[in-house]
């Protein structure tokens, strides 16, 4: 968990540090040590900003975009003891592998290129 820095007023129990000449000192707070009251205070619902409201108004009625999951189900790092093993593996998976090959898909995947595509409107 990320620790939060909180500004606190100096009390008689605590001695001010050399940098705390304003009557305040700064203390790192671990979120797991907050009391229930402090957590409630922290959980106050934030109102959307003006720019967020404008953005929501602009995007109203736009078609929904769904990003397809293109991540691999599982990845495995393979090490080869020598060139002969590397070439044998290349034949086994029936894919061309070179010194510069960084990754492959098995079975071989048809990788779509999107850099040469553009959006066309029906209007």
PDB file of N, CA and C in Angstrom:
ATOM      1  N   UNK A   1       0.833  -1.191   0.000  1.00  0.00           N
ATOM      2  CA  UNK A   1       0.000   0.000   0.000  1.00  0.00           C
ATOM      3  C   UNK A   1       0.869   1.243   0.000  1.00  0.00           C
ATOM      4  N   UNK A   2       0.379   2.254  -0.647  1.00  0.00           N
ATOM      5  CA  UNK A   2       1.110   3.497  -0.725  1.00  0.00           C
ATOM      6  C   UNK A   2       0.871   4.311   0.540  1.00  0.00           C
ATOM      7  N   UNK A   3       1.928   4.818   1.127  1.00  0.00           N
ATOM      8  CA  UNK A   3       1.794   5.642   2.317  1.00  0.00           C
ATOM      9  C   UNK A   3       1.483   7.069   1.908  1.00  0.00           C
ATOM     10  N   UNK A   4       0.680   7.724   2.705  1.00  0.00           N
ATOM     11  CA  UNK A   4       0.235   9.076   2.434  1.00  0.00           C
ATOM     12  C   UNK A   4       0.939  10.039   3.383  1.00  0.00           C
ATOM     13  N   UNK A   5       1.293  11.217   2.900  1.00  0.00           N
ATOM     14  CA  UNK A   5       1.910  12.231   3.745  1.00  0.00           C
ATOM     15  C   UNK A   5       0.809  13.176   4.217  1.00  0.00           C
ATOM     16  N   UNK A   6       0.705  13.356   5.525  1.00  0.00           N
ATOM     17  CA  UNK A   6      -0.354  14.158   6.115  1.00  0.00           C
ATOM     18  C   UNK A   6       0.253  15.294   6.924  1.00  0.00           C
ATOM     19  N   UNK A   7      -0.348  16.480   6.799  1.00  0.00           N
ATOM     20  CA  UNK A   7       0.119  17.644   7.556  1.00  0.00           C
ATOM     21  C   UNK A   7      -0.609  17.641   8.903  1.00  0.00           C
ATOM     22  N   UNK A   8       0.127  17.691   9.998  1.00  0.00           N
ATOM     23  CA  UNK A   8      -0.453  17.668  11.341  1.00  0.00           C
ATOM     24  C   UNK A   8       0.049  18.861  12.148  1.00  0.00           C
ATOM     25  N   UNK A   9      -0.784  19.343  13.060  1.00  0.00           N
ATOM     26  CA  UNK A   9      -0.401  20.442  13.941  1.00  0.00           C
ATOM     27  C   UNK A   9       0.447  19.896  15.086  1.00  0.00           C
ATOM     28  N   UNK A  10       1.477  20.627  15.465  1.00  0.00           N
ATOM     29  CA  UNK A  10       2.376  20.202  16.540  1.00  0.00           C
ATOM     30  C   UNK A  10       1.653  20.330  17.880  1.00  0.00           C
ATOM     31  N   UNK A  11       1.751  19.278  18.676  1.00  0.00           N
ATOM     32  CA  UNK A  11       1.166  19.294  20.016  1.00  0.00           C
ATOM     33  C   UNK A  11       2.304  19.302  21.035  1.00  0.00           C
ATOM     34  N   UNK A  12       1.959  19.415  22.312  1.00  0.00           N
ATOM     35  CA  UNK A  12       2.983  19.451  23.357  1.00  0.00           C
ATOM     36  C   UNK A  12       3.734  18.134  23.443  1.00  0.00           C
ATOM     37  N   UNK A  13       3.063  17.013  23.116  1.00  0.00           N
ATOM     38  CA  UNK A  13       3.684  15.700  23.222  1.00  0.00           C
ATOM     39  C   UNK A  13       4.811  15.518  22.208  1.00  0.00           C
ATOM     40  N   UNK A  14       4.661  16.131  21.051  1.00  0.00           N
ATOM     41  CA  UNK A  14       5.653  15.943  19.998  1.00  0.00           C
ATOM     42  C   UNK A  14       6.581  17.150  19.929  1.00  0.00           C
ATOM     43  N   UNK A  15       7.842  16.872  19.741  1.00  0.00           N
ATOM     44  CA  UNK A  15       8.808  17.949  19.589  1.00  0.00           C
ATOM     45  C   UNK A  15       8.882  18.338  18.125  1.00  0.00           C
ATOM     46  N   UNK A  16       8.889  19.623  17.836  1.00  0.00           N
ATOM     47  CA  UNK A  16       8.986  20.038  16.440  1.00  0.00           C
ATOM     48  C   UNK A  16      10.363  19.724  15.869  1.00  0.00           C
ATOM     49  N   UNK A  17      10.380  19.364  14.610  1.00  0.00           N
ATOM     50  CA  UNK A  17      11.660  19.082  13.957  1.00  0.00           C
ATOM     51  C   UNK A  17      12.284  20.396  13.508  1.00  0.00           C
ATOM     52  N   UNK A  18      13.496  20.313  13.018  1.00  0.00           N
ATOM     53  CA  UNK A  18      14.216  21.514  12.588  1.00  0.00           C
ATOM     54  C   UNK A  18      13.507  22.181  11.409  1.00  0.00           C
ATOM     55  N   UNK A  19      12.778  21.383  10.594  1.00  0.00           N
ATOM     56  CA  UNK A  19      12.095  21.943   9.421  1.00  0.00           C
ATOM     57  C   UNK A  19      10.693  22.431   9.741  1.00  0.00           C
ATOM     58  N   UNK A  20      10.192  22.156  10.934  1.00  0.00           N
ATOM     59  CA  UNK A  20       8.815  22.501  11.265  1.00  0.00           C
ATOM     60  C   UNK A  20       8.739  23.791  12.067  1.00  0.00           C
ATOM     61  N   UNK A  21       9.100  24.897  11.477  1.00  0.00           N
ATOM     62  CA  UNK A  21       9.027  26.155  12.207  1.00  0.00           C
ATOM     63  C   UNK A  21       7.691  26.852  11.996  1.00  0.00           C
ATOM     64  N   UNK A  22       6.796  26.297  11.172  1.00  0.00           N
ATOM     65  CA  UNK A  22       5.500  26.910  10.929  1.00  0.00           C
ATOM     66  C   UNK A  22       4.449  26.453  11.934  1.00  0.00           C
ATOM     67  N   UNK A  23       4.800  25.549  12.843  1.00  0.00           N
ATOM     68  CA  UNK A  23       3.825  25.026  13.791  1.00  0.00           C
ATOM     69  C   UNK A  23       3.202  23.727  13.298  1.00  0.00           C
ATOM     70  N   UNK A  24       3.638  23.242  12.135  1.00  0.00           N
ATOM     71  CA  UNK A  24       3.128  21.995  11.582  1.00  0.00           C
ATOM     72  C   UNK A  24       4.299  21.070  11.282  1.00  0.00           C
ATOM     73  N   UNK A  25       4.021  19.787  11.249  1.00  0.00           N
ATOM     74  CA  UNK A  25       5.033  18.834  10.822  1.00  0.00           C
ATOM     75  C   UNK A  25       4.372  17.847   9.863  1.00  0.00           C
ATOM     76  N   UNK A  26       5.167  17.142   9.124  1.00  0.00           N
ATOM     77  CA  UNK A  26       4.637  16.199   8.143  1.00  0.00           C
ATOM     78  C   UNK A  26       4.975  14.787   8.572  1.00  0.00           C
ATOM     79  N   UNK A  27       3.975  13.898   8.457  1.00  0.00           N
ATOM     80  CA  UNK A  27       4.129  12.537   8.950  1.00  0.00           C
ATOM     81  C   UNK A  27       3.615  11.574   7.884  1.00  0.00           C
ATOM     82  N   UNK A  28       4.347  10.484   7.667  1.00  0.00           N
ATOM     83  CA  UNK A  28       3.871   9.453   6.739  1.00  0.00           C
ATOM     84  C   UNK A  28       2.855   8.579   7.461  1.00  0.00           C
ATOM     85  N   UNK A  29       1.687   8.400   6.833  1.00  0.00           N
ATOM     86  CA  UNK A  29       0.606   7.630   7.424  1.00  0.00           C
ATOM     87  C   UNK A  29       0.376   6.383   6.576  1.00  0.00           C
ATOM     88  N   UNK A  30       0.331   5.243   7.211  1.00  0.00           N
ATOM     89  CA  UNK A  30       0.008   3.991   6.529  1.00  0.00           C
ATOM     90  C   UNK A  30      -1.519   3.893   6.491  1.00  0.00           C
ATOM     91  N   UNK A  31      -2.140   3.744   5.283  1.00  0.00           N
ATOM     92  CA  UNK A  31      -3.600   3.698   5.186  1.00  0.00           C
ATOM     93  C   UNK A  31      -4.242   2.583   6.016  1.00  0.00           C
ATOM     94  N   UNK A  32      -3.521   1.505   6.276  1.00  0.00           N
ATOM     95  CA  UNK A  32      -4.086   0.397   7.061  1.00  0.00           C
ATOM     96  C   UNK A  32      -4.255   0.761   8.530  1.00  0.00           C
ATOM     97  N   UNK A  33      -3.617   1.830   8.985  1.00  0.00           N
ATOM     98  CA  UNK A  33      -3.720   2.227  10.393  1.00  0.00           C
ATOM     99  C   UNK A  33      -4.775   3.313  10.631  1.00  0.00           C
ATOM    100  N   UNK A  34      -5.463   3.744   9.589  1.00  0.00           N
ATOM    101  CA  UNK A  34      -6.485   4.776   9.750  1.00  0.00           C
ATOM    102  C   UNK A  34      -7.678   4.240  10.528  1.00  0.00           C
ATOM    103  N   UNK A  35      -8.298   5.093  11.339  1.00  0.00           N
ATOM    104  CA  UNK A  35      -9.492   4.681  12.075  1.00  0.00           C
ATOM    105  C   UNK A  35     -10.680   4.672  11.113  1.00  0.00           C
ATOM    106  N   UNK A  36     -11.801   4.088  11.554  1.00  0.00           N
ATOM    107  CA  UNK A  36     -13.005   4.000  10.719  1.00  0.00           C
ATOM    108  C   UNK A  36     -13.509   5.394  10.358  1.00  0.00           C
ATOM    109  N   UNK A  37     -13.430   6.318  11.300  1.00  0.00           N
ATOM    110  CA  UNK A  37     -13.887   7.689  11.064  1.00  0.00           C
ATOM    111  C   UNK A  37     -13.029   8.369   9.997  1.00  0.00           C
ATOM    112  N   UNK A  38     -11.719   8.162  10.068  1.00  0.00           N
ATOM    113  CA  UNK A  38     -10.816   8.753   9.079  1.00  0.00           C
ATOM    114  C   UNK A  38     -11.060   8.150   7.696  1.00  0.00           C
ATOM    115  N   UNK A  39     -11.348   6.842   7.652  1.00  0.00           N
ATOM    116  CA  UNK A  39     -11.622   6.184   6.369  1.00  0.00           C
ATOM    117  C   UNK A  39     -12.904   6.718   5.745  1.00  0.00           C
ATOM    118  N   UNK A  40     -13.949   6.944   6.575  1.00  0.00           N
ATOM    119  CA  UNK A  40     -15.206   7.490   6.067  1.00  0.00           C
ATOM    120  C   UNK A  40     -14.982   8.866   5.472  1.00  0.00           C
ATOM    121  N   UNK A  41     -14.203   9.682   6.183  1.00  0.00           N
ATOM    122  CA  UNK A  41     -13.906  11.022   5.719  1.00  0.00           C
ATOM    123  C   UNK A  41     -13.196  10.972   4.367  1.00  0.00           C
ATOM    124  N   UNK A  42     -12.340   9.987   4.226  1.00  0.00           N
ATOM    125  CA  UNK A  42     -11.558   9.836   3.006  1.00  0.00           C
ATOM    126  C   UNK A  42     -12.422   9.359   1.840  1.00  0.00           C
ATOM    127  N   UNK A  43     -13.490   8.585   2.131  1.00  0.00           N
ATOM    128  CA  UNK A  43     -14.310   7.974   1.104  1.00  0.00           C
ATOM    129  C   UNK A  43     -15.408   8.885   0.556  1.00  0.00           C
ATOM    130  N   UNK A  44     -15.416  10.167   0.914  1.00  0.00           N
ATOM    131  CA  UNK A  44     -16.449  11.059   0.424  1.00  0.00           C
ATOM    132  C   UNK A  44     -16.497  11.016  -1.090  1.00  0.00           C
ATOM    133  N   UNK A  45     -17.720  10.969  -1.629  1.00  0.00           N
ATOM    134  CA  UNK A  45     -17.901  10.877  -3.068  1.00  0.00           C
ATOM    135  C   UNK A  45     -17.493  12.201  -3.712  1.00  0.00           C
ATOM    136  N   UNK A  46     -16.615  12.102  -4.685  1.00  0.00           N
ATOM    137  CA  UNK A  46     -16.160  13.301  -5.373  1.00  0.00           C
ATOM    138  C   UNK A  46     -17.147  13.685  -6.457  1.00  0.00           C
ATOM    139  N   UNK A  47     -17.419  14.973  -6.582  1.00  0.00           N
ATOM    140  CA  UNK A  47     -18.293  15.467  -7.641  1.00  0.00           C
ATOM    141  C   UNK A  47     -17.504  15.505  -8.936  1.00  0.00           C
ATOM    142  N   UNK A  48     -18.169  15.208 -10.074  1.00  0.00           N
ATOM    143  CA  UNK A  48     -17.440  15.290 -11.346  1.00  0.00           C
ATOM    144  C   UNK A  48     -17.020  16.729 -11.629  1.00  0.00           C
ATOM    145  N   UNK A  49     -15.839  16.884 -12.179  1.00  0.00           N
ATOM    146  CA  UNK A  49     -15.332  18.214 -12.471  1.00  0.00           C
ATOM    147  C   UNK A  49     -16.078  18.824 -13.655  1.00  0.00           C
ATOM    148  N   UNK A  50     -15.895  20.102 -13.844  1.00  0.00           N
ATOM    149  CA  UNK A  50     -16.553  20.802 -14.950  1.00  0.00           C
ATOM    150  C   UNK A  50     -16.120  20.213 -16.287  1.00  0.00           C
ATOM    151  N   UNK A  51     -14.828  19.940 -16.423  1.00  0.00           N
ATOM    152  CA  UNK A  51     -14.327  19.382 -17.673  1.00  0.00           C
ATOM    153  C   UNK A  51     -14.886  17.979 -17.918  1.00  0.00           C
ATOM    154  N   UNK A  52     -15.115  17.209 -16.835  1.00  0.00           N
ATOM    155  CA  UNK A  52     -15.701  15.877 -16.978  1.00  0.00           C
ATOM    156  C   UNK A  52     -17.146  15.981 -17.460  1.00  0.00           C
ATOM    157  N   UNK A  53     -17.890  16.970 -16.934  1.00  0.00           N
ATOM    158  CA  UNK A  53     -19.269  17.173 -17.364  1.00  0.00           C
ATOM    159  C   UNK A  53     -19.330  17.544 -18.842  1.00  0.00           C
ATOM    160  N   UNK A  54     -18.421  18.418 -19.273  1.00  0.00           N
ATOM    161  CA  UNK A  54     -18.370  18.832 -20.677  1.00  0.00           C
ATOM    162  C   UNK A  54     -18.040  17.636 -21.558  1.00  0.00           C
ATOM    163  N   UNK A  55     -17.079  16.839 -21.116  1.00  0.00           N
ATOM    164  CA  UNK A  55     -16.674  15.645 -21.869  1.00  0.00           C
ATOM    165  C   UNK A  55     -17.833  14.657 -21.988  1.00  0.00           C
ATOM    166  N   UNK A  56     -18.552  14.423 -20.888  1.00  0.00           N
ATOM    167  CA  UNK A  56     -19.694  13.510 -20.917  1.00  0.00           C
ATOM    168  C   UNK A  56     -20.766  13.999 -21.883  1.00  0.00           C
ATOM    169  N   UNK A  57     -20.983  15.312 -21.911  1.00  0.00           N
ATOM    170  CA  UNK A  57     -21.979  15.909 -22.810  1.00  0.00           C
ATOM    171  C   UNK A  57     -21.572  15.715 -24.270  1.00  0.00           C
ATOM    172  N   UNK A  58     -20.279  15.889 -24.560  1.00  0.00           N
ATOM    173  CA  UNK A  58     -19.758  15.733 -25.919  1.00  0.00           C
ATOM    174  C   UNK A  58     -19.900  14.298 -26.426  1.00  0.00           C
ATOM    175  N   UNK A  59     -19.669  13.328 -25.543  1.00  0.00           N
ATOM    176  CA  UNK A  59     -19.660  11.923 -25.941  1.00  0.00           C
ATOM    177  C   UNK A  59     -21.029  11.265 -25.878  1.00  0.00           C
ATOM    178  N   UNK A  60     -22.059  11.987 -25.434  1.00  0.00           N
ATOM    179  CA  UNK A  60     -23.401  11.419 -25.314  1.00  0.00           C
ATOM    180  C   UNK A  60     -23.897  10.986 -26.692  1.00  0.00           C
ATOM    181  N   UNK A  61     -24.392   9.756 -26.785  1.00  0.00           N
ATOM    182  CA  UNK A  61     -24.926   9.247 -28.044  1.00  0.00           C
ATOM    183  C   UNK A  61     -23.895   8.613 -28.961  1.00  0.00           C
ATOM    184  N   UNK A  62     -22.629   8.622 -28.555  1.00  0.00           N
ATOM    185  CA  UNK A  62     -21.582   8.015 -29.384  1.00  0.00           C
ATOM    186  C   UNK A  62     -21.650   6.498 -29.254  1.00  0.00           C
ATOM    187  N   UNK A  63     -21.254   5.777 -30.308  1.00  0.00           N
ATOM    188  CA  UNK A  63     -21.285   4.312 -30.215  1.00  0.00           C
ATOM    189  C   UNK A  63     -20.274   3.814 -29.189  1.00  0.00           C
ATOM    190  N   UNK A  64     -20.621   2.713 -28.534  1.00  0.00           N
ATOM    191  CA  UNK A  64     -19.739   2.149 -27.520  1.00  0.00           C
ATOM    192  C   UNK A  64     -18.569   1.445 -28.198  1.00  0.00           C
ATOM    193  N   UNK A  65     -17.394   1.571 -27.604  1.00  0.00           N
ATOM    194  CA  UNK A  65     -16.196   0.912 -28.123  1.00  0.00           C
ATOM    195  C   UNK A  65     -15.830  -0.216 -27.181  1.00  0.00           C
ATOM    196  N   UNK A  66     -15.695  -1.408 -27.735  1.00  0.00           N
ATOM    197  CA  UNK A  66     -15.313  -2.563 -26.923  1.00  0.00           C
ATOM    198  C   UNK A  66     -13.967  -3.053 -27.422  1.00  0.00           C
ATOM    199  N   UNK A  67     -12.974  -3.055 -26.532  1.00  0.00           N
ATOM    200  CA  UNK A  67     -11.628  -3.507 -26.886  1.00  0.00           C
ATOM    201  C   UNK A  67     -11.538  -5.005 -26.671  1.00  0.00           C
ATOM    202  N   UNK A  68     -11.241  -5.729 -27.732  1.00  0.00           N
ATOM    203  CA  UNK A  68     -11.085  -7.174 -27.657  1.00  0.00           C
ATOM    204  C   UNK A  68      -9.788  -7.499 -26.916  1.00  0.00           C
ATOM    205  N   UNK A  69      -9.812  -8.527 -26.087  1.00  0.00           N
ATOM    206  CA  UNK A  69      -8.616  -8.924 -25.348  1.00  0.00           C
ATOM    207  C   UNK A  69      -7.665  -9.662 -26.283  1.00  0.00           C
ATOM    208  N   UNK A  70      -6.525  -9.049 -26.581  1.00  0.00           N
ATOM    209  CA  UNK A  70      -5.547  -9.643 -27.479  1.00  0.00           C
ATOM    210  C   UNK A  70      -4.330 -10.188 -26.736  1.00  0.00           C
ATOM    211  N   UNK A  71      -4.407 -10.225 -25.422  1.00  0.00           N
ATOM    212  CA  UNK A  71      -3.304 -10.729 -24.606  1.00  0.00           C
ATOM    213  C   UNK A  71      -3.212 -12.249 -24.741  1.00  0.00           C
ATOM    214  N   UNK A  72      -2.014 -12.820 -24.649  1.00  0.00           N
ATOM    215  CA  UNK A  72      -1.895 -14.282 -24.707  1.00  0.00           C
ATOM    216  C   UNK A  72      -2.484 -14.932 -23.453  1.00  0.00           C
ATOM    217  N   UNK A  73      -2.968 -16.158 -23.591  1.00  0.00           N
ATOM    218  CA  UNK A  73      -3.493 -16.891 -22.442  1.00  0.00           C
ATOM    219  C   UNK A  73      -2.360 -17.244 -21.497  1.00  0.00           C
ATOM    220  N   UNK A  74      -1.215 -17.620 -22.062  1.00  0.00           N
ATOM    221  CA  UNK A  74      -0.055 -18.008 -21.257  1.00  0.00           C
ATOM    222  C   UNK A  74       1.211 -17.697 -22.028  1.00  0.00           C
ATOM    223  N   UNK A  75       2.246 -17.271 -21.358  1.00  0.00           N
ATOM    224  CA  UNK A  75       3.548 -17.009 -21.977  1.00  0.00           C
ATOM    225  C   UNK A  75       4.607 -17.860 -21.291  1.00  0.00           C
ATOM    226  N   UNK A  76       5.541 -18.346 -22.088  1.00  0.00           N
ATOM    227  CA  UNK A  76       6.622 -19.177 -21.559  1.00  0.00           C
ATOM    228  C   UNK A  76       7.931 -18.695 -22.159  1.00  0.00           C
ATOM    229  N   UNK A  77       8.923 -18.512 -21.343  1.00  0.00           N
ATOM    230  CA  UNK A  77      10.246 -18.130 -21.812  1.00  0.00           C
ATOM    231  C   UNK A  77      11.032 -19.412 -22.058  1.00  0.00           C
ATOM    232  N   UNK A  78      11.625 -19.558 -23.249  1.00  0.00           N
ATOM    233  CA  UNK A  78      12.340 -20.785 -23.609  1.00  0.00           C
ATOM    234  C   UNK A  78      13.812 -20.455 -23.799  1.00  0.00           C
ATOM    235  N   UNK A  79      14.688 -21.260 -23.224  1.00  0.00           N
ATOM    236  CA  UNK A  79      16.129 -21.077 -23.353  1.00  0.00           C
ATOM    237  C   UNK A  79      16.707 -22.233 -24.169  1.00  0.00           C
ATOM    238  N   UNK A  80      17.698 -21.926 -24.995  1.00  0.00           N
ATOM    239  CA  UNK A  80      18.337 -22.941 -25.837  1.00  0.00           C
ATOM    240  C   UNK A  80      19.814 -23.037 -25.485  1.00  0.00           C
ATOM    241  N   UNK A  81      20.308 -24.257 -25.400  1.00  0.00           N
ATOM    242  CA  UNK A  81      21.711 -24.481 -25.046  1.00  0.00           C
ATOM    243  C   UNK A  81      22.632 -24.203 -26.229  1.00  0.00           C
ATOM    244  N   UNK A  82      22.143 -24.452 -27.449  1.00  0.00           N
ATOM    245  CA  UNK A  82      22.985 -24.246 -28.636  1.00  0.00           C
ATOM    246  C   UNK A  82      22.117 -23.985 -29.865  1.00  0.00           C
ATOM    247  N   UNK A  83      22.767 -23.694 -30.969  1.00  0.00           N
ATOM    248  CA  UNK A  83      22.069 -23.358 -32.224  1.00  0.00           C
ATOM    249  C   UNK A  83      21.257 -24.545 -32.730  1.00  0.00           C
ATOM    250  N   UNK A  84      21.779 -25.738 -32.574  1.00  0.00           N
ATOM    251  CA  UNK A  84      21.114 -26.952 -33.047  1.00  0.00           C
ATOM    252  C   UNK A  84      19.737 -27.099 -32.370  1.00  0.00           C
ATOM    253  N   UNK A  85      19.690 -26.871 -31.089  1.00  0.00           N
ATOM    254  CA  UNK A  85      18.420 -26.943 -30.342  1.00  0.00           C
ATOM    255  C   UNK A  85      17.446 -25.879 -30.831  1.00  0.00           C
ATOM    256  N   UNK A  86      17.960 -24.689 -31.087  1.00  0.00           N
ATOM    257  CA  UNK A  86      17.141 -23.578 -31.569  1.00  0.00           C
ATOM    258  C   UNK A  86      16.489 -23.931 -32.906  1.00  0.00           C
ATOM    259  N   UNK A  87      17.272 -24.490 -33.834  1.00  0.00           N
ATOM    260  CA  UNK A  87      16.749 -24.866 -35.146  1.00  0.00           C
ATOM    261  C   UNK A  87      15.752 -26.027 -35.038  1.00  0.00           C
ATOM    262  N   UNK A  88      16.007 -26.966 -34.135  1.00  0.00           N
ATOM    263  CA  UNK A  88      15.082 -28.079 -33.924  1.00  0.00           C
ATOM    264  C   UNK A  88      13.735 -27.572 -33.416  1.00  0.00           C
ATOM    265  N   UNK A  89      13.775 -26.603 -32.504  1.00  0.00           N
ATOM    266  CA  UNK A  89      12.544 -26.003 -31.982  1.00  0.00           C
ATOM    267  C   UNK A  89      11.793 -25.282 -33.100  1.00  0.00           C
ATOM    268  N   UNK A  90      12.521 -24.573 -33.958  1.00  0.00           N
ATOM    269  CA  UNK A  90      11.930 -23.864 -35.088  1.00  0.00           C
ATOM    270  C   UNK A  90      11.167 -24.836 -35.993  1.00  0.00           C
ATOM    271  N   UNK A  91      11.764 -25.986 -36.252  1.00  0.00           N
ATOM    272  CA  UNK A  91      11.102 -27.005 -37.077  1.00  0.00           C
ATOM    273  C   UNK A  91       9.891 -27.586 -36.349  1.00  0.00           C
ATOM    274  N   UNK A  92      10.021 -27.796 -35.069  1.00  0.00           N
ATOM    275  CA  UNK A  92       8.956 -28.385 -34.266  1.00  0.00           C
ATOM    276  C   UNK A  92       7.689 -27.517 -34.289  1.00  0.00           C
ATOM    277  N   UNK A  93       7.847 -26.216 -34.139  1.00  0.00           N
ATOM    278  CA  UNK A  93       6.686 -25.312 -34.117  1.00  0.00           C
ATOM    279  C   UNK A  93       6.296 -24.845 -35.524  1.00  0.00           C
ATOM    280  N   UNK A  94       7.081 -25.235 -36.523  1.00  0.00           N
ATOM    281  CA  UNK A  94       6.833 -24.900 -37.937  1.00  0.00           C
ATOM    282  C   UNK A  94       6.722 -23.388 -38.147  1.00  0.00           C
ATOM    283  N   UNK A  95       7.685 -22.658 -37.537  1.00  0.00           N
ATOM    284  CA  UNK A  95       7.757 -21.209 -37.708  1.00  0.00           C
ATOM    285  C   UNK A  95       9.207 -20.821 -37.918  1.00  0.00           C
ATOM    286  N   UNK A  96       9.420 -19.788 -38.731  1.00  0.00           N
ATOM    287  CA  UNK A  96      10.777 -19.318 -39.000  1.00  0.00           C
ATOM    288  C   UNK A  96      11.250 -18.479 -37.814  1.00  0.00           C
ATOM    289  N   UNK A  97      12.334 -18.893 -37.195  1.00  0.00           N
ATOM    290  CA  UNK A  97      12.912 -18.163 -36.074  1.00  0.00           C
ATOM    291  C   UNK A  97      14.308 -17.695 -36.453  1.00  0.00           C
ATOM    292  N   UNK A  98      14.651 -16.472 -36.085  1.00  0.00           N
ATOM    293  CA  UNK A  98      15.972 -15.910 -36.359  1.00  0.00           C
ATOM    294  C   UNK A  98      16.578 -15.397 -35.062  1.00  0.00           C
ATOM    295  N   UNK A  99      17.790 -14.844 -35.164  1.00  0.00           N
ATOM    296  CA  UNK A  99      18.432 -14.243 -33.979  1.00  0.00           C
ATOM    297  C   UNK A  99      17.611 -13.071 -33.437  1.00  0.00           C
ATOM    298  N   UNK A 100      16.903 -12.393 -34.328  1.00  0.00           N
ATOM    299  CA  UNK A 100      16.147 -11.201 -33.933  1.00  0.00           C
ATOM    300  C   UNK A 100      14.723 -11.507 -33.464  1.00  0.00           C
ATOM    301  N   UNK A 101      14.284 -12.751 -33.558  1.00  0.00           N
ATOM    302  CA  UNK A 101      12.927 -13.107 -33.136  1.00  0.00           C
ATOM    303  C   UNK A 101      12.807 -12.925 -31.626  1.00  0.00           C
ATOM    304  N   UNK A 102      11.833 -12.097 -31.219  1.00  0.00           N
ATOM    305  CA  UNK A 102      11.644 -11.828 -29.791  1.00  0.00           C
ATOM    306  C   UNK A 102      10.506 -12.644 -29.211  1.00  0.00           C
ATOM    307  N   UNK A 103       9.499 -12.942 -30.036  1.00  0.00           N
ATOM    308  CA  UNK A 103       8.370 -13.734 -29.553  1.00  0.00           C
ATOM    309  C   UNK A 103       7.656 -14.359 -30.746  1.00  0.00           C
ATOM    310  N   UNK A 104       6.892 -15.412 -30.461  1.00  0.00           N
ATOM    311  CA  UNK A 104       6.086 -16.064 -31.492  1.00  0.00           C
ATOM    312  C   UNK A 104       4.746 -16.448 -30.888  1.00  0.00           C
ATOM    313  N   UNK A 105       3.783 -16.713 -31.736  1.00  0.00           N
ATOM    314  CA  UNK A 105       2.496 -17.244 -31.307  1.00  0.00           C
ATOM    315  C   UNK A 105       2.418 -18.687 -31.776  1.00  0.00           C
ATOM    316  N   UNK A 106       1.890 -19.563 -30.923  1.00  0.00           N
ATOM    317  CA  UNK A 106       1.672 -20.947 -31.331  1.00  0.00           C
ATOM    318  C   UNK A 106       0.235 -21.305 -31.007  1.00  0.00           C
ATOM    319  N   UNK A 107      -0.537 -21.748 -31.973  1.00  0.00           N
ATOM    320  CA  UNK A 107      -0.233 -21.805 -33.394  1.00  0.00           C
ATOM    321  C   UNK A 107      -0.031 -20.396 -33.937  1.00  0.00           C
ATOM    322  N   UNK A 108       0.636 -20.310 -35.064  1.00  0.00           N
ATOM    323  CA  UNK A 108       0.996 -19.023 -35.640  1.00  0.00           C
ATOM    324  C   UNK A 108      -0.244 -18.151 -35.797  1.00  0.00           C
ATOM    325  N   UNK A 109      -0.179 -16.944 -35.284  1.00  0.00           N
ATOM    326  CA  UNK A 109      -1.323 -16.035 -35.299  1.00  0.00           C
ATOM    327  C   UNK A 109      -1.216 -15.055 -36.457  1.00  0.00           C
ATOM    328  N   UNK A 110      -2.369 -14.657 -36.951  1.00  0.00           N
ATOM    329  CA  UNK A 110      -2.425 -13.633 -37.981  1.00  0.00           C
ATOM    330  C   UNK A 110      -2.492 -12.296 -37.257  1.00  0.00           C
ATOM    331  N   UNK A 111      -1.370 -11.584 -37.218  1.00  0.00           N
ATOM    332  CA  UNK A 111      -1.280 -10.326 -36.486  1.00  0.00           C
ATOM    333  C   UNK A 111      -1.835  -9.202 -37.356  1.00  0.00           C
ATOM    334  N   UNK A 112      -2.856  -8.514 -36.844  1.00  0.00           N
ATOM    335  CA  UNK A 112      -3.471  -7.408 -37.576  1.00  0.00           C
ATOM    336  C   UNK A 112      -2.672  -6.133 -37.429  1.00  0.00           C
ATOM    337  N   UNK A 113      -2.484  -5.431 -38.505  1.00  0.00           N
ATOM    338  CA  UNK A 113      -1.794  -4.141 -38.483  1.00  0.00           C
ATOM    339  C   UNK A 113      -2.847  -3.045 -38.583  1.00  0.00           C
ATOM    340  N   UNK A 114      -2.846  -2.133 -37.631  1.00  0.00           N
ATOM    341  CA  UNK A 114      -3.858  -1.076 -37.593  1.00  0.00           C
ATOM    342  C   UNK A 114      -3.310   0.290 -37.986  1.00  0.00           C
ATOM    343  N   UNK A 115      -2.013   0.412 -38.161  1.00  0.00           N
ATOM    344  CA  UNK A 115      -1.421   1.724 -38.436  1.00  0.00           C
ATOM    345  C   UNK A 115      -1.829   2.265 -39.805  1.00  0.00           C
ATOM    346  N   UNK A 116      -2.221   1.406 -40.738  1.00  0.00           N
ATOM    347  CA  UNK A 116      -2.605   1.871 -42.071  1.00  0.00           C
ATOM    348  C   UNK A 116      -4.112   1.975 -42.241  1.00  0.00           C
ATOM    349  N   UNK A 117      -4.879   1.889 -41.153  1.00  0.00           N
ATOM    350  CA  UNK A 117      -6.346   1.958 -41.189  1.00  0.00           C
ATOM    351  C   UNK A 117      -6.799   3.322 -40.718  1.00  0.00           C
ATOM    352  N   UNK A 118      -7.994   3.722 -41.171  1.00  0.00           N
ATOM    353  CA  UNK A 118      -8.572   4.967 -40.687  1.00  0.00           C
ATOM    354  C   UNK A 118     -10.068   4.816 -40.584  1.00  0.00           C
ATOM    355  N   UNK A 119     -10.703   5.676 -39.816  1.00  0.00           N
ATOM    356  CA  UNK A 119     -12.135   5.632 -39.587  1.00  0.00           C
ATOM    357  C   UNK A 119     -12.832   6.341 -40.733  1.00  0.00           C
ATOM    358  N   UNK A 120     -13.862   5.716 -41.288  1.00  0.00           N
ATOM    359  CA  UNK A 120     -14.657   6.335 -42.344  1.00  0.00           C
ATOM    360  C   UNK A 120     -16.095   6.438 -41.870  1.00  0.00           C
ATOM    361  N   UNK A 121     -16.694   7.587 -42.050  1.00  0.00           N
ATOM    362  CA  UNK A 121     -18.053   7.835 -41.612  1.00  0.00           C
ATOM    363  C   UNK A 121     -19.036   7.477 -42.729  1.00  0.00           C
ATOM    364  N   UNK A 122     -20.259   7.078 -42.331  1.00  0.00           N
ATOM    365  CA  UNK A 122     -21.299   6.773 -43.312  1.00  0.00           C
ATOM    366  C   UNK A 122     -21.987   8.026 -43.814  1.00  0.00           C
ATOM    367  N   UNK A 123     -21.783   9.132 -43.177  1.00  0.00           N
ATOM    368  CA  UNK A 123     -22.479  10.380 -43.528  1.00  0.00           C
ATOM    369  C   UNK A 123     -21.903  11.033 -44.739  1.00  0.00           C
TER     370      UNK A 123
END
